[in-house]
N, C-alpha and C. Protein backbone atom coordinates (compact mmCIF):
# COMPACT_ATOMS: atom_id res chain seq x y z
N MET A 1 48.01 21.30 24.05
CA MET A 1 49.15 22.40 24.55
C MET A 1 50.25 22.37 23.47
N GLU A 2 51.06 23.22 23.28
CA GLU A 2 52.06 23.22 22.67
C GLU A 2 53.39 23.46 23.69
N THR A 3 54.53 22.84 22.85
CA THR A 3 55.76 23.12 23.32
C THR A 3 56.49 24.36 23.23
N ILE A 4 56.36 25.31 23.65
CA ILE A 4 56.59 26.64 23.08
C ILE A 4 58.36 27.04 23.44
N THR A 5 59.08 27.48 22.19
CA THR A 5 60.57 27.45 22.53
C THR A 5 61.06 29.18 22.83
N TYR A 6 61.85 29.36 22.93
CA TYR A 6 62.41 30.82 23.15
C TYR A 6 62.69 31.30 21.39
N LYS A 7 63.21 30.30 20.65
CA LYS A 7 63.04 30.76 19.32
C LYS A 7 61.58 31.11 18.75
N ASP A 8 60.65 30.34 19.05
CA ASP A 8 59.33 30.67 18.93
C ASP A 8 58.95 32.13 19.29
N ILE A 9 59.18 32.59 20.63
CA ILE A 9 58.91 33.83 21.19
C ILE A 9 59.60 35.26 20.30
N ARG A 10 61.20 34.47 20.01
CA ARG A 10 62.01 35.53 19.54
C ARG A 10 61.52 35.88 18.22
N ASN A 11 60.91 34.65 17.45
CA ASN A 11 60.55 35.42 16.09
C ASN A 11 58.91 35.54 15.88
N ASN A 12 58.32 35.74 16.90
CA ASN A 12 56.72 35.93 17.12
C ASN A 12 56.86 37.51 16.53
N GLU A 13 55.76 37.87 15.74
CA GLU A 13 56.08 39.11 14.92
C GLU A 13 55.16 40.12 16.09
N GLU A 14 54.07 39.58 17.07
CA GLU A 14 53.41 40.20 17.64
C GLU A 14 54.58 40.65 19.15
N VAL A 15 55.06 39.91 19.78
CA VAL A 15 56.23 40.15 20.64
C VAL A 15 57.03 41.31 20.31
N ASN A 16 57.68 41.10 18.92
CA ASN A 16 58.68 42.29 18.32
C ASN A 16 57.79 43.42 17.98
N ALA A 17 56.71 43.46 17.88
CA ALA A 17 56.19 44.68 17.44
C ALA A 17 56.25 45.01 18.93
N LEU A 18 55.57 44.61 19.83
CA LEU A 18 55.54 45.28 20.92
C LEU A 18 56.99 45.98 21.80
N ILE A 19 57.99 45.24 21.58
CA ILE A 19 59.41 45.33 22.04
C ILE A 19 59.67 47.06 21.09
N GLU A 20 59.49 46.59 20.14
CA GLU A 20 59.80 47.72 19.35
C GLU A 20 59.31 49.28 19.60
N ARG A 21 57.60 48.83 19.70
CA ARG A 21 56.84 50.18 20.35
C ARG A 21 57.58 50.59 21.67
N GLY A 22 57.71 49.95 22.50
CA GLY A 22 58.06 50.13 23.95
C GLY A 22 59.43 51.19 23.84
N ASN A 23 60.54 50.54 22.94
CA ASN A 23 61.68 51.11 22.69
C ASN A 23 61.61 52.66 22.18
N ALA A 24 60.74 52.44 21.43
CA ALA A 24 60.60 53.67 20.68
C ALA A 24 60.49 54.77 21.62
N MET A 25 58.98 54.31 22.04
CA MET A 25 58.47 55.45 23.31
C MET A 25 59.47 55.49 24.40
N LEU A 26 60.16 54.77 24.84
CA LEU A 26 61.16 55.33 25.85
C LEU A 26 61.94 56.19 25.31
N GLY A 27 62.54 56.16 24.11
CA GLY A 27 63.58 56.91 23.56
C GLY A 27 62.80 58.41 23.60
N VAL A 28 61.78 58.48 22.92
CA VAL A 28 61.22 59.66 23.56
C VAL A 28 61.10 60.39 24.34
N MET A 29 60.85 59.81 25.60
CA MET A 29 61.11 59.89 26.82
C MET A 29 62.40 59.91 27.64
N GLY A 30 63.57 59.71 26.75
CA GLY A 30 65.03 60.07 27.08
C GLY A 30 65.46 58.79 27.82
N TYR A 31 64.58 57.81 27.75
CA TYR A 31 65.31 56.64 28.68
C TYR A 31 66.29 55.70 28.02
N THR A 32 67.32 54.77 28.14
CA THR A 32 68.01 54.40 28.11
C THR A 32 67.34 53.19 27.24
N GLU A 33 68.42 52.18 26.20
CA GLU A 33 67.99 51.38 25.34
C GLU A 33 67.41 50.23 25.70
N HIS A 34 65.96 49.69 25.37
CA HIS A 34 65.20 48.50 25.89
C HIS A 34 65.02 47.91 24.35
N SER A 35 66.26 47.53 23.64
CA SER A 35 65.62 46.86 22.17
C SER A 35 65.53 45.74 22.10
N HIS A 36 65.37 45.11 21.02
CA HIS A 36 66.06 43.65 20.73
C HIS A 36 66.90 43.41 21.37
N LYS A 37 68.17 44.19 21.38
CA LYS A 37 69.22 43.82 21.86
C LYS A 37 69.36 43.40 23.38
N HIS A 38 68.77 44.33 24.10
CA HIS A 38 68.59 44.03 25.35
C HIS A 38 67.78 43.05 25.80
N ALA A 39 66.70 42.62 24.78
CA ALA A 39 65.96 41.34 25.42
C ALA A 39 66.20 40.21 24.94
N VAL A 40 67.05 40.25 24.10
CA VAL A 40 68.19 38.86 23.88
C VAL A 40 69.42 38.60 24.85
N LYS A 41 70.00 39.87 25.17
CA LYS A 41 71.05 39.71 26.35
C LYS A 41 70.33 39.21 27.47
N ILE A 42 68.94 39.51 27.86
CA ILE A 42 68.43 39.13 29.57
C ILE A 42 67.99 37.38 28.88
N ALA A 43 67.61 37.35 28.11
CA ALA A 43 66.96 36.09 27.80
C ALA A 43 68.04 34.95 27.63
N ILE A 44 69.09 35.39 27.09
CA ILE A 44 70.42 34.76 26.71
C ILE A 44 71.10 34.45 28.58
N GLY A 45 71.34 35.53 28.83
CA GLY A 45 71.93 35.45 30.45
C GLY A 45 71.12 34.84 31.42
N ALA A 46 69.86 35.06 31.34
CA ALA A 46 68.54 33.98 32.48
C ALA A 46 68.88 32.75 32.07
N GLY A 47 68.88 32.06 30.64
CA GLY A 47 69.01 30.75 30.90
C GLY A 47 70.30 30.36 30.98
N SER A 48 71.45 31.24 30.69
CA SER A 48 72.84 30.37 31.20
C SER A 48 73.19 30.38 32.58
N ILE A 49 72.51 31.45 33.35
CA ILE A 49 72.54 31.25 34.74
C ILE A 49 72.05 30.23 35.21
N LEU A 50 70.84 29.67 34.86
CA LEU A 50 70.08 28.33 35.27
C LEU A 50 70.82 27.10 34.94
N SER A 51 71.27 27.19 33.72
CA SER A 51 72.02 26.16 32.73
C SER A 51 73.60 26.02 33.71
N ASP A 52 74.00 26.99 34.08
CA ASP A 52 75.25 27.15 34.76
C ASP A 52 75.30 26.15 36.03
N LEU A 53 74.05 26.42 36.52
CA LEU A 53 73.69 25.79 37.71
C LEU A 53 72.94 24.36 37.88
N GLY A 54 72.99 23.81 36.71
CA GLY A 54 72.55 22.47 36.64
C GLY A 54 71.03 22.38 36.34
N TYR A 55 70.34 23.46 36.24
CA TYR A 55 68.75 23.31 36.11
C TYR A 55 68.47 22.38 35.15
N ASP A 56 67.48 21.90 34.89
CA ASP A 56 66.75 21.37 33.47
C ASP A 56 66.65 22.08 32.69
N LYS A 57 66.68 21.55 31.23
CA LYS A 57 66.88 22.34 29.59
C LYS A 57 65.73 22.89 30.07
N ARG A 58 64.34 22.75 30.03
CA ARG A 58 63.31 23.20 30.08
C ARG A 58 62.87 24.71 30.90
N LEU A 59 63.39 24.62 32.23
CA LEU A 59 63.53 25.41 32.89
C LEU A 59 64.34 26.72 32.22
N CYS A 60 65.64 25.88 31.77
CA CYS A 60 66.40 26.94 31.31
C CYS A 60 65.65 28.10 30.05
N GLU A 61 64.94 26.83 29.21
CA GLU A 61 64.45 27.58 28.11
C GLU A 61 62.87 28.69 28.51
N LEU A 62 62.22 28.13 29.73
CA LEU A 62 61.54 29.08 30.38
C LEU A 62 62.11 30.28 30.72
N ALA A 63 62.98 30.48 31.58
CA ALA A 63 64.15 31.92 31.81
C ALA A 63 64.31 32.39 30.30
N ARG A 64 64.90 31.86 29.87
CA ARG A 64 64.83 32.67 28.16
C ARG A 64 63.65 33.33 27.86
N ILE A 65 62.40 32.60 27.62
CA ILE A 65 61.17 32.98 27.26
C ILE A 65 60.67 34.40 28.00
N ALA A 66 61.04 34.49 29.69
CA ALA A 66 61.05 35.33 30.43
C ALA A 66 61.61 36.40 29.99
N GLY A 67 63.05 36.25 30.18
CA GLY A 67 63.92 37.05 29.68
C GLY A 67 63.92 38.00 28.21
N TYR A 68 63.25 37.15 27.23
CA TYR A 68 62.95 38.16 26.11
C TYR A 68 61.38 38.97 26.22
N LEU A 69 60.74 38.22 26.74
CA LEU A 69 59.35 39.35 27.33
C LEU A 69 59.28 40.22 28.36
N HIS A 70 60.31 40.33 28.96
CA HIS A 70 60.13 40.81 30.39
C HIS A 70 60.00 42.65 30.36
N ASP A 71 60.38 43.06 29.26
CA ASP A 71 60.03 44.55 28.99
C ASP A 71 58.88 44.93 27.92
N ILE A 72 57.85 43.85 27.45
CA ILE A 72 57.11 44.08 26.56
C ILE A 72 56.03 45.27 27.03
N GLY A 73 55.94 45.37 28.72
CA GLY A 73 54.87 46.72 28.91
C GLY A 73 55.11 47.69 28.88
N ASN A 74 56.75 47.92 28.40
CA ASN A 74 56.95 49.28 28.06
C ASN A 74 55.92 50.03 26.72
N CYS A 75 55.49 49.17 26.29
CA CYS A 75 54.80 49.56 25.24
C CYS A 75 53.33 50.24 25.53
N VAL A 76 53.30 50.12 26.59
CA VAL A 76 51.79 50.52 27.88
C VAL A 76 52.44 52.25 28.15
N ASN A 77 53.35 51.93 28.88
CA ASN A 77 53.69 52.98 29.84
C ASN A 77 54.99 52.27 30.49
N ARG A 78 55.84 53.26 30.78
CA ARG A 78 56.99 52.92 31.95
C ARG A 78 56.57 52.66 33.31
N GLU A 79 55.63 53.20 33.76
CA GLU A 79 55.02 53.08 35.06
C GLU A 79 54.15 51.88 34.93
N ASP A 80 54.69 50.95 36.10
CA ASP A 80 54.05 49.67 36.03
C ASP A 80 54.09 48.97 34.96
N HIS A 81 55.47 48.83 34.48
CA HIS A 81 55.44 48.28 33.07
C HIS A 81 55.89 46.29 33.37
N PRO A 82 55.96 46.13 34.48
CA PRO A 82 56.22 44.74 34.80
C PRO A 82 54.93 44.22 34.73
N HIS A 83 53.81 44.92 35.30
CA HIS A 83 52.61 44.07 35.32
C HIS A 83 51.73 44.15 34.25
N SER A 84 51.76 45.46 33.69
CA SER A 84 51.20 45.34 32.06
C SER A 84 51.77 44.24 31.38
N GLY A 85 52.88 43.84 31.48
CA GLY A 85 53.74 43.22 30.43
C GLY A 85 53.31 41.64 30.79
N ALA A 86 53.19 41.70 32.14
CA ALA A 86 52.86 40.29 32.34
C ALA A 86 51.60 39.94 32.13
N ILE A 87 50.73 40.45 31.89
CA ILE A 87 49.15 40.41 31.32
C ILE A 87 49.10 40.14 29.54
N LEU A 88 50.40 41.07 29.31
CA LEU A 88 50.17 41.04 27.94
C LEU A 88 50.76 39.79 27.40
N ALA A 89 51.99 39.27 28.28
CA ALA A 89 52.57 37.97 27.88
C ALA A 89 51.24 36.64 28.09
N PHE A 90 50.59 36.78 29.57
CA PHE A 90 49.74 35.74 29.82
C PHE A 90 48.99 35.59 28.36
N GLN A 91 48.07 36.87 27.75
CA GLN A 91 47.53 36.60 26.30
C GLN A 91 48.40 36.13 25.15
N ILE A 92 49.67 36.77 25.20
CA ILE A 92 50.51 35.90 24.14
C ILE A 92 50.58 34.17 23.97
N LEU A 93 50.90 34.17 25.18
CA LEU A 93 51.15 32.66 25.63
C LEU A 93 50.12 31.95 25.43
N ARG A 94 48.82 32.27 26.17
CA ARG A 94 47.80 31.57 26.09
C ARG A 94 47.36 31.17 24.53
N ASP A 95 47.28 32.13 23.93
CA ASP A 95 47.06 32.02 22.48
C ASP A 95 47.98 30.92 21.84
N LEU A 96 49.08 31.04 21.93
CA LEU A 96 50.15 30.09 21.49
C LEU A 96 49.60 28.80 21.80
N HIS A 97 48.84 28.60 23.07
CA HIS A 97 48.75 27.20 23.47
C HIS A 97 49.45 26.63 24.39
N MET A 98 50.33 27.62 24.98
CA MET A 98 51.44 26.92 26.08
C MET A 98 50.93 26.45 27.13
N ASP A 99 51.56 25.78 27.76
CA ASP A 99 51.30 24.76 29.00
C ASP A 99 50.70 25.72 30.06
N PRO A 100 49.74 25.63 30.45
CA PRO A 100 49.10 26.76 31.57
C PRO A 100 50.50 26.94 32.54
N GLN A 101 50.81 25.82 33.29
CA GLN A 101 51.78 25.90 34.43
C GLN A 101 53.06 26.90 34.20
N GLU A 102 53.19 26.44 32.73
CA GLU A 102 54.33 27.01 32.31
C GLU A 102 54.34 28.47 31.89
N VAL A 103 53.10 29.05 31.30
CA VAL A 103 52.64 30.34 31.20
C VAL A 103 52.74 31.10 32.85
N ALA A 104 52.13 30.18 33.67
CA ALA A 104 52.04 30.86 35.08
C ALA A 104 53.48 31.24 35.62
N LEU A 105 54.33 30.42 35.36
CA LEU A 105 56.05 30.56 35.69
C LEU A 105 56.43 31.88 34.97
N VAL A 106 56.39 32.05 33.61
CA VAL A 106 56.82 32.84 33.04
C VAL A 106 56.49 34.29 33.19
N VAL A 107 55.13 34.36 33.47
CA VAL A 107 53.73 35.50 33.73
C VAL A 107 54.33 35.98 34.99
N SER A 108 54.97 35.43 36.15
CA SER A 108 55.14 35.54 37.49
C SER A 108 56.46 36.55 37.58
N ALA A 109 57.45 35.68 36.60
CA ALA A 109 59.15 36.34 36.46
C ALA A 109 59.03 37.45 36.07
N ILE A 110 58.05 38.01 34.99
CA ILE A 110 58.34 39.22 34.20
C ILE A 110 57.53 40.28 35.34
N GLY A 111 56.49 39.53 35.92
CA GLY A 111 55.67 40.71 36.96
C GLY A 111 56.23 41.24 38.39
N GLN A 112 57.66 40.37 38.58
CA GLN A 112 58.13 40.21 39.49
C GLN A 112 59.75 41.22 39.36
N HIS A 113 60.02 41.56 37.86
CA HIS A 113 61.14 41.94 37.62
C HIS A 113 61.82 43.16 37.90
N ASP A 114 61.12 44.39 38.45
CA ASP A 114 61.36 45.67 38.69
C ASP A 114 61.59 45.76 40.38
N GLU A 115 62.58 46.59 40.40
CA GLU A 115 62.79 46.58 41.97
C GLU A 115 61.72 47.29 42.81
N SER A 116 60.93 48.10 41.99
CA SER A 116 59.93 49.12 42.60
C SER A 116 59.06 48.18 43.49
N THR A 117 58.66 47.22 42.91
CA THR A 117 57.52 45.98 43.28
C THR A 117 57.70 44.85 43.74
N GLY A 118 59.04 44.34 42.58
CA GLY A 118 59.14 43.00 42.55
C GLY A 118 60.14 42.19 43.72
N VAL A 119 60.10 41.07 43.61
CA VAL A 119 61.28 40.03 44.67
C VAL A 119 61.36 38.54 43.90
N ALA A 120 62.67 38.36 43.92
CA ALA A 120 62.52 36.87 43.52
C ALA A 120 61.74 35.78 44.06
N VAL A 121 61.11 34.99 43.26
CA VAL A 121 60.24 33.81 43.69
C VAL A 121 60.47 32.47 43.67
N ASP A 122 61.55 32.26 42.66
CA ASP A 122 61.78 31.31 41.83
C ASP A 122 62.89 31.53 41.22
N PRO A 123 63.15 30.01 40.62
CA PRO A 123 64.64 30.31 40.00
C PRO A 123 64.36 31.04 38.92
N VAL A 124 63.63 31.02 38.05
CA VAL A 124 63.35 31.57 36.46
C VAL A 124 63.38 33.15 36.81
N SER A 125 62.45 33.39 38.18
CA SER A 125 62.03 34.88 38.32
C SER A 125 63.56 35.64 38.94
N ALA A 126 64.27 34.77 39.49
CA ALA A 126 65.65 35.06 40.22
C ALA A 126 66.63 35.18 39.12
N ALA A 127 66.74 34.34 37.59
CA ALA A 127 67.79 34.34 36.65
C ALA A 127 67.37 35.61 35.77
N VAL A 128 66.13 36.18 35.76
CA VAL A 128 65.81 37.33 35.01
C VAL A 128 66.28 38.47 35.80
N ILE A 129 65.89 38.22 37.01
CA ILE A 129 66.40 39.70 37.87
C ILE A 129 68.17 39.95 37.54
N LEU A 130 68.65 38.79 38.17
CA LEU A 130 70.19 38.99 37.88
C LEU A 130 70.47 39.69 36.41
N ALA A 131 70.05 38.62 35.31
CA ALA A 131 70.11 39.11 34.16
C ALA A 131 70.39 40.94 33.91
N ASP A 132 69.01 40.97 34.11
CA ASP A 132 68.34 42.32 33.82
C ASP A 132 69.10 43.48 34.71
N LYS A 133 69.12 43.67 35.94
CA LYS A 133 69.80 44.49 36.86
C LYS A 133 71.21 44.59 36.65
N THR A 134 71.91 43.61 35.93
CA THR A 134 73.50 43.71 35.89
C THR A 134 73.42 44.13 34.08
N ASP A 135 72.83 44.55 33.78
CA ASP A 135 72.89 44.88 32.07
C ASP A 135 73.08 46.17 31.96
N VAL A 136 74.50 46.91 32.33
CA VAL A 136 75.10 48.17 32.21
C VAL A 136 76.03 48.40 31.64
N ARG A 137 75.44 49.18 30.66
CA ARG A 137 76.66 49.26 29.80
C ARG A 137 76.47 50.68 28.88
N ARG A 138 77.65 51.05 28.06
CA ARG A 138 77.54 52.46 27.74
C ARG A 138 76.70 52.72 26.35
N ASN A 139 76.46 51.76 25.58
CA ASN A 139 75.72 51.66 23.92
C ASN A 139 74.10 51.74 24.55
N ARG A 140 73.78 51.29 26.15
CA ARG A 140 72.46 51.23 26.14
C ARG A 140 72.10 53.10 26.23
N VAL A 141 72.97 54.27 26.39
CA VAL A 141 72.78 55.31 26.51
C VAL A 141 72.35 56.23 25.38
N ARG A 142 71.15 56.42 25.02
CA ARG A 142 70.74 57.21 23.58
C ARG A 142 71.00 58.52 23.90
N ASN A 143 71.12 59.24 24.92
CA ASN A 143 71.20 60.96 24.90
C ASN A 143 72.81 61.08 24.51
N ARG A 144 72.47 62.01 23.31
CA ARG A 144 74.17 61.99 22.89
C ARG A 144 74.65 63.41 23.53
N VAL A 145 73.78 64.25 24.05
CA VAL A 145 74.66 65.15 25.19
C VAL A 145 75.01 65.02 26.45
N LYS A 146 76.15 64.94 26.64
CA LYS A 146 76.69 64.36 28.02
C LYS A 146 75.68 65.47 29.21
N ALA A 147 75.91 67.00 28.41
CA ALA A 147 75.33 68.12 29.69
C ALA A 147 73.43 67.60 30.25
N ARG A 148 73.14 66.73 29.35
CA ARG A 148 71.72 66.19 29.71
C ARG A 148 71.67 65.12 30.20
N PHE A 149 72.74 64.52 30.12
CA PHE A 149 72.38 63.16 30.91
C PHE A 149 71.81 62.98 32.42
N ASP A 150 70.79 62.28 32.76
CA ASP A 150 70.23 62.24 33.88
C ASP A 150 71.50 61.17 34.80
N LYS A 151 70.70 60.90 35.98
CA LYS A 151 71.95 59.65 36.73
C LYS A 151 71.96 58.35 36.44
N HIS A 152 70.78 58.29 35.14
CA HIS A 152 71.18 56.57 35.10
C HIS A 152 71.74 56.86 33.78
N ASP A 153 71.49 57.73 32.95
CA ASP A 153 72.61 57.84 31.68
C ASP A 153 74.00 58.09 32.22
N ARG A 154 74.11 58.83 33.37
CA ARG A 154 75.84 58.86 33.68
C ARG A 154 76.09 57.49 34.25
N VAL A 155 75.72 57.07 34.82
CA VAL A 155 75.75 55.56 35.37
C VAL A 155 76.37 54.73 34.01
N ASN A 156 75.28 54.17 33.19
CA ASN A 156 75.50 53.38 31.93
C ASN A 156 76.41 53.93 31.15
N TYR A 157 76.66 55.52 30.98
CA TYR A 157 77.70 55.31 29.65
C TYR A 157 79.34 55.49 30.90
N ALA A 158 79.30 55.41 31.95
CA ALA A 158 80.66 55.17 32.73
C ALA A 158 80.59 54.13 32.72
N ALA A 159 80.14 52.83 32.37
CA ALA A 159 80.31 51.58 32.55
C ALA A 159 81.05 50.87 31.51
N VAL A 160 82.77 50.99 31.43
CA VAL A 160 83.25 50.85 30.36
C VAL A 160 82.96 48.99 29.84
N SER A 161 82.61 48.46 30.61
CA SER A 161 82.67 46.84 30.71
C SER A 161 81.76 46.52 32.04
N SER A 162 81.17 45.47 31.66
CA SER A 162 80.48 44.68 32.76
C SER A 162 80.28 43.15 32.35
N LYS A 163 80.38 42.39 33.39
CA LYS A 163 80.37 40.58 32.90
C LYS A 163 79.51 40.24 34.41
N LEU A 164 78.70 39.44 33.99
CA LEU A 164 78.03 38.54 35.25
C LEU A 164 78.39 37.30 34.95
N SER A 165 79.05 36.79 36.10
CA SER A 165 79.56 34.99 36.08
C SER A 165 79.11 34.09 37.22
N VAL A 166 78.68 32.84 36.92
CA VAL A 166 78.36 32.12 37.84
C VAL A 166 79.36 31.06 38.26
N CYS A 167 79.96 31.16 39.63
CA CYS A 167 80.54 30.02 39.91
C CYS A 167 80.06 28.69 40.79
N PRO A 168 79.77 27.81 40.21
CA PRO A 168 78.64 27.04 41.18
C PRO A 168 79.48 26.23 42.21
N GLU A 169 81.14 26.21 41.85
CA GLU A 169 81.95 25.49 42.73
C GLU A 169 81.94 26.49 44.26
N LYS A 170 81.97 27.74 44.12
CA LYS A 170 82.14 28.56 45.24
C LYS A 170 80.61 28.92 45.60
N LYS A 171 79.57 28.65 44.73
CA LYS A 171 77.77 29.33 45.31
C LYS A 171 78.29 30.84 45.21
N THR A 172 78.61 31.55 43.86
CA THR A 172 78.47 32.93 44.00
C THR A 172 78.28 33.16 42.43
N VAL A 173 77.59 34.43 42.53
CA VAL A 173 77.46 35.06 41.05
C VAL A 173 77.99 36.17 41.33
N LYS A 174 78.59 36.75 40.12
CA LYS A 174 79.52 37.99 40.47
C LYS A 174 79.46 38.93 39.02
N LEU A 175 79.47 40.06 39.72
CA LEU A 175 79.37 41.24 38.83
C LEU A 175 80.77 41.69 38.80
N ASP A 176 81.34 41.69 37.43
CA ASP A 176 82.63 42.60 37.48
C ASP A 176 82.35 43.74 36.42
N ILE A 177 82.35 45.02 36.92
CA ILE A 177 82.38 46.38 36.16
C ILE A 177 83.37 46.92 36.28
N GLU A 178 83.57 47.87 34.96
CA GLU A 178 84.64 48.70 35.13
C GLU A 178 84.17 49.80 34.72
N LEU A 179 84.01 50.93 35.59
CA LEU A 179 83.47 52.42 35.42
C LEU A 179 84.74 53.20 35.48
N ASP A 180 84.27 54.43 34.48
CA ASP A 180 85.12 55.39 34.24
C ASP A 180 85.09 56.44 35.28
N GLU A 181 85.36 56.38 36.20
CA GLU A 181 85.35 57.44 37.33
C GLU A 181 85.53 58.72 37.43
N ASN A 182 85.73 59.29 36.22
CA ASN A 182 85.90 60.82 35.53
C ASN A 182 84.02 60.98 35.78
N ILE A 183 83.28 60.23 34.95
CA ILE A 183 81.69 60.29 34.69
C ILE A 183 81.15 59.85 36.08
N CYS A 184 81.59 58.54 36.61
CA CYS A 184 80.96 58.21 37.77
C CYS A 184 81.58 57.31 39.06
N SER A 185 81.80 57.82 39.74
CA SER A 185 82.20 57.10 40.72
C SER A 185 81.73 55.78 41.41
N ILE A 186 82.72 55.03 42.09
CA ILE A 186 81.84 53.58 42.77
C ILE A 186 80.65 54.21 43.97
N LEU A 187 80.95 55.13 44.31
CA LEU A 187 79.75 55.56 45.34
C LEU A 187 78.59 56.12 44.86
N ASP A 188 79.01 56.75 43.54
CA ASP A 188 77.62 57.20 42.70
C ASP A 188 77.00 56.27 42.36
N TYR A 189 77.79 55.11 41.61
CA TYR A 189 77.19 53.91 41.29
C TYR A 189 76.01 53.32 42.29
N PHE A 190 76.35 52.75 43.49
CA PHE A 190 75.71 52.38 44.22
C PHE A 190 74.89 53.38 45.29
N GLU A 191 74.87 55.03 45.13
CA GLU A 191 73.98 55.83 45.44
C GLU A 191 72.61 55.46 44.35
N ILE A 192 72.83 55.43 42.99
CA ILE A 192 71.88 55.13 42.16
C ILE A 192 71.09 53.93 42.12
N PHE A 193 71.91 52.84 42.07
CA PHE A 193 71.73 51.46 42.05
C PHE A 193 71.62 50.65 42.86
N LEU A 194 71.61 51.02 44.26
CA LEU A 194 71.68 50.37 45.28
C LEU A 194 70.38 49.35 45.32
N GLY A 195 69.21 50.08 45.10
CA GLY A 195 68.18 49.14 45.28
C GLY A 195 68.40 47.68 44.12
N ARG A 196 68.87 47.92 43.07
CA ARG A 196 69.14 46.94 42.14
C ARG A 196 69.57 46.07 42.65
N MET A 197 71.10 46.44 43.33
CA MET A 197 72.29 45.71 43.60
C MET A 197 71.66 44.69 44.96
N LEU A 198 70.56 45.15 45.97
CA LEU A 198 69.91 44.64 46.92
C LEU A 198 68.84 43.23 46.36
N MET A 199 68.16 43.77 45.02
CA MET A 199 67.48 42.92 44.61
C MET A 199 68.13 41.75 43.77
N CYS A 200 69.47 42.06 43.41
CA CYS A 200 70.02 40.96 43.00
C CYS A 200 70.90 39.95 44.18
N LYS A 201 71.48 40.74 45.40
CA LYS A 201 71.81 39.88 46.32
C LYS A 201 70.62 38.71 46.77
N ARG A 202 69.10 39.31 46.65
CA ARG A 202 68.06 38.76 47.09
C ARG A 202 67.49 37.36 46.24
N ALA A 203 67.85 37.75 44.80
CA ALA A 203 67.42 36.71 43.80
C ALA A 203 68.98 35.67 43.84
N ALA A 204 70.01 36.12 44.21
CA ALA A 204 71.50 35.09 44.29
C ALA A 204 70.88 34.01 45.22
N GLU A 205 70.43 34.73 46.63
CA GLU A 205 69.76 33.91 47.59
C GLU A 205 68.85 33.06 47.08
N VAL A 206 67.80 33.26 46.41
CA VAL A 206 66.86 32.22 45.92
C VAL A 206 67.65 31.18 45.00
N LEU A 207 68.75 31.37 44.44
CA LEU A 207 69.21 30.14 43.84
C LEU A 207 70.27 29.45 44.65
N GLY A 208 70.40 29.99 45.92
CA GLY A 208 71.57 29.32 46.78
C GLY A 208 72.80 29.93 46.13
N LEU A 209 73.01 31.04 46.06
CA LEU A 209 74.21 31.57 45.67
C LEU A 209 74.46 32.82 46.53
N LYS A 210 75.55 33.21 46.70
CA LYS A 210 75.94 34.80 47.27
C LYS A 210 76.32 35.68 45.99
N PHE A 211 75.99 36.98 46.12
CA PHE A 211 76.00 37.91 44.95
C PHE A 211 77.32 38.67 45.45
N ARG A 212 78.12 38.80 44.54
CA ARG A 212 79.63 39.29 44.90
C ARG A 212 80.03 40.69 43.54
N MET A 213 80.27 41.59 43.65
CA MET A 213 80.13 42.34 42.71
C MET A 213 81.84 43.26 42.90
N ASN A 214 82.49 43.47 42.05
CA ASN A 214 84.42 43.73 41.84
C ASN A 214 83.81 45.12 40.90
N ALA A 215 84.50 46.47 41.39
CA ALA A 215 84.50 47.68 40.62
C ALA A 215 85.58 47.98 40.60
N ASN A 216 86.24 48.20 39.30
CA ASN A 216 87.33 48.74 38.76
C ASN A 216 88.50 48.10 39.79
N GLY A 217 88.11 46.49 39.85
CA GLY A 217 89.20 45.74 40.16
C GLY A 217 88.92 45.60 41.79
N HIS A 218 88.29 45.97 42.62
CA HIS A 218 88.08 46.32 43.96
C HIS A 218 86.73 45.51 44.30
N LYS A 219 86.68 44.86 45.36
CA LYS A 219 85.44 43.97 45.86
C LYS A 219 84.91 44.94 46.58
N VAL A 220 83.66 44.85 45.96
CA VAL A 220 82.73 46.34 46.74
C VAL A 220 81.68 45.25 47.79
N CYS A 221 81.12 43.98 47.04
CA CYS A 221 80.37 43.09 48.14
C CYS A 221 80.50 41.83 47.99
């Protein structure tokens, strides 16, 4: 068995080819950006959440690995991508001779990260969910014609800034988001992303936290 690191996975040619292909396919279909930038952001975010809460370094590293791998299933199909991604990750990590218990932990986090079928089941999956579902930002929108924006384009484009922060003392994890309400109102945001925010609420509970959200300076939840 090998001790596989986030650096190993980030530099893995096979993994990066899957991310590239998945992002390209989603681009053709009109979806938001799911590139290496998104993968890195989720990896770092998931690891930081657990680190801020005092989890051991190896678990934080596994969260980074799961975060980087979480969307590789998009290269197969957007539909059911968490499950196809989990299977791909299993094969890659097994071939790298990663510890089977760690492989299982990473694979389950990938398989549970989508709000349509998933739920946080442990700290790693919870951290990946929180990092992923709060990655709302204007530069993820690839459609340059505003008249053709779908609802997800509109919300992401309206997000001038967003920041996720953990406060262990208050036992909270908070999303601060600034929305351009000429593009998308706070109510519109919740109409579109309610499922994601509820998933974040439940993920926070797995970590012993309460999920809080401020939008344009107003406490929303």
